Amino acid sequence: MSEDQDVASGGIVLSPAQLKERKKKNIAIALALVFFVALIFWTTIIRIQSNIDMGMS
């Protein structure tokens, strides 16, 4: 595909370095999202367990 075709179709051509940086950024965002979801999950489990323990005593 030539550069003229990419520009005509509205596409943006990224250099290999830009693609590498985009991939690293996407991986960092994904890891941060997974960490946040895990943090919320464990916080919820701990709070539910605490409420169950309070109800049994």
N, C-alpha and C. Protein backbone atom coordinates (compact mmCIF):
# COMPACT_ATOMS: atom_id res chain seq x y z
N MET A 1 0.85 -1.16 0.00
CA MET A 1 0.00 0.00 0.00
C MET A 1 0.89 1.23 0.00
N SER A 2 0.61 2.16 -0.83
CA SER A 2 1.43 3.37 -0.89
C SER A 2 0.92 4.40 0.11
N GLU A 3 1.76 5.39 0.35
CA GLU A 3 1.39 6.45 1.29
C GLU A 3 0.18 7.23 0.79
N ASP A 4 0.10 7.43 -0.54
CA ASP A 4 -1.04 8.15 -1.12
C ASP A 4 -2.35 7.43 -0.84
N GLN A 5 -2.33 6.11 -0.90
CA GLN A 5 -3.55 5.35 -0.63
C GLN A 5 -3.95 5.47 0.84
N ASP A 6 -2.98 5.45 1.74
CA ASP A 6 -3.27 5.58 3.17
C ASP A 6 -3.88 6.94 3.48
N VAL A 7 -3.31 7.98 2.93
CA VAL A 7 -3.82 9.33 3.17
C VAL A 7 -5.20 9.49 2.56
N ALA A 8 -5.40 8.94 1.37
CA ALA A 8 -6.69 9.06 0.70
C ALA A 8 -7.78 8.30 1.45
N SER A 9 -7.42 7.19 2.08
CA SER A 9 -8.42 6.40 2.81
C SER A 9 -8.61 6.90 4.24
N GLY A 10 -7.88 7.93 4.62
CA GLY A 10 -8.04 8.48 5.97
C GLY A 10 -7.19 7.77 7.00
N GLY A 11 -6.35 6.83 6.60
CA GLY A 11 -5.51 6.10 7.53
C GLY A 11 -4.25 6.86 7.89
N ILE A 12 -3.70 6.55 9.04
CA ILE A 12 -2.46 7.15 9.48
C ILE A 12 -1.42 6.04 9.52
N VAL A 13 -0.28 6.31 8.94
CA VAL A 13 0.81 5.33 8.92
C VAL A 13 1.75 5.63 10.07
N LEU A 14 1.94 4.65 10.94
CA LEU A 14 2.84 4.83 12.07
C LEU A 14 4.15 4.13 11.79
N SER A 15 5.21 4.72 12.30
CA SER A 15 6.53 4.11 12.15
C SER A 15 6.63 2.92 13.10
N PRO A 16 7.59 2.03 12.87
CA PRO A 16 7.77 0.89 13.79
C PRO A 16 8.02 1.34 15.23
N ALA A 17 8.75 2.44 15.40
CA ALA A 17 8.99 2.94 16.76
C ALA A 17 7.69 3.40 17.42
N GLN A 18 6.84 4.07 16.66
CA GLN A 18 5.56 4.52 17.20
C GLN A 18 4.66 3.33 17.54
N LEU A 19 4.68 2.30 16.71
CA LEU A 19 3.89 1.10 16.99
C LEU A 19 4.38 0.41 18.26
N LYS A 20 5.71 0.38 18.44
CA LYS A 20 6.28 -0.24 19.64
C LYS A 20 5.87 0.54 20.89
N GLU A 21 5.93 1.86 20.83
CA GLU A 21 5.52 2.69 21.97
C GLU A 21 4.03 2.55 22.26
N ARG A 22 3.21 2.46 21.22
CA ARG A 22 1.77 2.28 21.41
C ARG A 22 1.49 0.95 22.10
N LYS A 23 2.21 -0.10 21.70
CA LYS A 23 2.00 -1.41 22.30
C LYS A 23 2.40 -1.39 23.78
N LYS A 24 3.53 -0.74 24.11
CA LYS A 24 3.95 -0.64 25.50
C LYS A 24 2.94 0.14 26.33
N LYS A 25 2.41 1.21 25.76
CA LYS A 25 1.41 2.02 26.46
C LYS A 25 0.13 1.21 26.70
N ASN A 26 -0.30 0.45 25.70
CA ASN A 26 -1.51 -0.36 25.84
C ASN A 26 -1.33 -1.45 26.89
N ILE A 27 -0.15 -2.04 26.95
CA ILE A 27 0.12 -3.06 27.96
C ILE A 27 0.10 -2.44 29.35
N ALA A 28 0.68 -1.25 29.51
CA ALA A 28 0.67 -0.58 30.81
C ALA A 28 -0.75 -0.25 31.25
N ILE A 29 -1.57 0.21 30.32
CA ILE A 29 -2.97 0.52 30.64
C ILE A 29 -3.72 -0.76 31.05
N ALA A 30 -3.48 -1.85 30.32
CA ALA A 30 -4.14 -3.12 30.63
C ALA A 30 -3.74 -3.62 32.01
N LEU A 31 -2.45 -3.54 32.33
CA LEU A 31 -1.99 -3.98 33.65
C LEU A 31 -2.57 -3.12 34.77
N ALA A 32 -2.65 -1.83 34.55
CA ALA A 32 -3.24 -0.94 35.55
C ALA A 32 -4.71 -1.27 35.76
N LEU A 33 -5.41 -1.56 34.68
CA LEU A 33 -6.83 -1.91 34.78
C LEU A 33 -7.02 -3.22 35.53
N VAL A 34 -6.20 -4.21 35.23
CA VAL A 34 -6.28 -5.50 35.93
C VAL A 34 -5.99 -5.31 37.41
N PHE A 35 -4.97 -4.51 37.74
CA PHE A 35 -4.65 -4.25 39.14
C PHE A 35 -5.81 -3.58 39.85
N PHE A 36 -6.44 -2.59 39.20
CA PHE A 36 -7.56 -1.88 39.81
C PHE A 36 -8.74 -2.82 40.04
N VAL A 37 -9.06 -3.66 39.08
CA VAL A 37 -10.18 -4.60 39.23
C VAL A 37 -9.88 -5.58 40.36
N ALA A 38 -8.64 -6.08 40.43
CA ALA A 38 -8.27 -7.01 41.50
C ALA A 38 -8.36 -6.33 42.87
N LEU A 39 -7.94 -5.08 42.94
CA LEU A 39 -8.02 -4.34 44.20
C LEU A 39 -9.47 -4.17 44.65
N ILE A 40 -10.34 -3.81 43.75
CA ILE A 40 -11.77 -3.66 44.08
C ILE A 40 -12.36 -5.01 44.49
N PHE A 41 -11.99 -6.08 43.78
CA PHE A 41 -12.51 -7.41 44.08
C PHE A 41 -12.11 -7.82 45.50
N TRP A 42 -10.81 -7.70 45.82
CA TRP A 42 -10.35 -8.13 47.14
C TRP A 42 -10.92 -7.25 48.25
N THR A 43 -11.06 -5.97 48.00
CA THR A 43 -11.67 -5.09 48.99
C THR A 43 -13.10 -5.52 49.27
N THR A 44 -13.83 -5.85 48.22
CA THR A 44 -15.22 -6.30 48.38
C THR A 44 -15.28 -7.60 49.16
N ILE A 45 -14.41 -8.55 48.84
CA ILE A 45 -14.41 -9.84 49.54
C ILE A 45 -14.10 -9.64 51.02
N ILE A 46 -13.13 -8.78 51.33
CA ILE A 46 -12.77 -8.54 52.73
C ILE A 46 -13.93 -7.88 53.47
N ARG A 47 -14.59 -6.93 52.83
CA ARG A 47 -15.72 -6.25 53.50
C ARG A 47 -16.90 -7.21 53.71
N ILE A 48 -17.17 -8.06 52.73
CA ILE A 48 -18.26 -9.04 52.88
C ILE A 48 -17.93 -10.00 54.02
N GLN A 49 -16.68 -10.48 54.05
CA GLN A 49 -16.27 -11.40 55.11
C GLN A 49 -16.38 -10.73 56.47
N SER A 50 -16.01 -9.46 56.56
CA SER A 50 -16.11 -8.73 57.82
C SER A 50 -17.56 -8.63 58.27
N ASN A 51 -18.46 -8.36 57.35
CA ASN A 51 -19.88 -8.27 57.69
C ASN A 51 -20.44 -9.62 58.10
N ILE A 52 -19.98 -10.68 57.46
CA ILE A 52 -20.44 -12.03 57.85
C ILE A 52 -19.97 -12.34 59.25
N ASP A 53 -18.69 -12.02 59.56
CA ASP A 53 -18.15 -12.29 60.90
C ASP A 53 -18.89 -11.49 61.96
N MET A 54 -19.24 -10.24 61.68
CA MET A 54 -19.97 -9.42 62.65
C MET A 54 -21.37 -9.98 62.90
N GLY A 55 -21.98 -10.52 61.89
CA GLY A 55 -23.33 -11.07 62.03
C GLY A 55 -23.37 -12.34 62.83
N MET A 56 -22.28 -13.10 62.83
CA MET A 56 -22.25 -14.38 63.54
C MET A 56 -21.92 -14.23 65.01
N SER A 57 -21.36 -13.09 65.39
CA SER A 57 -20.97 -12.94 66.81
C SER A 57 -22.05 -12.34 67.66
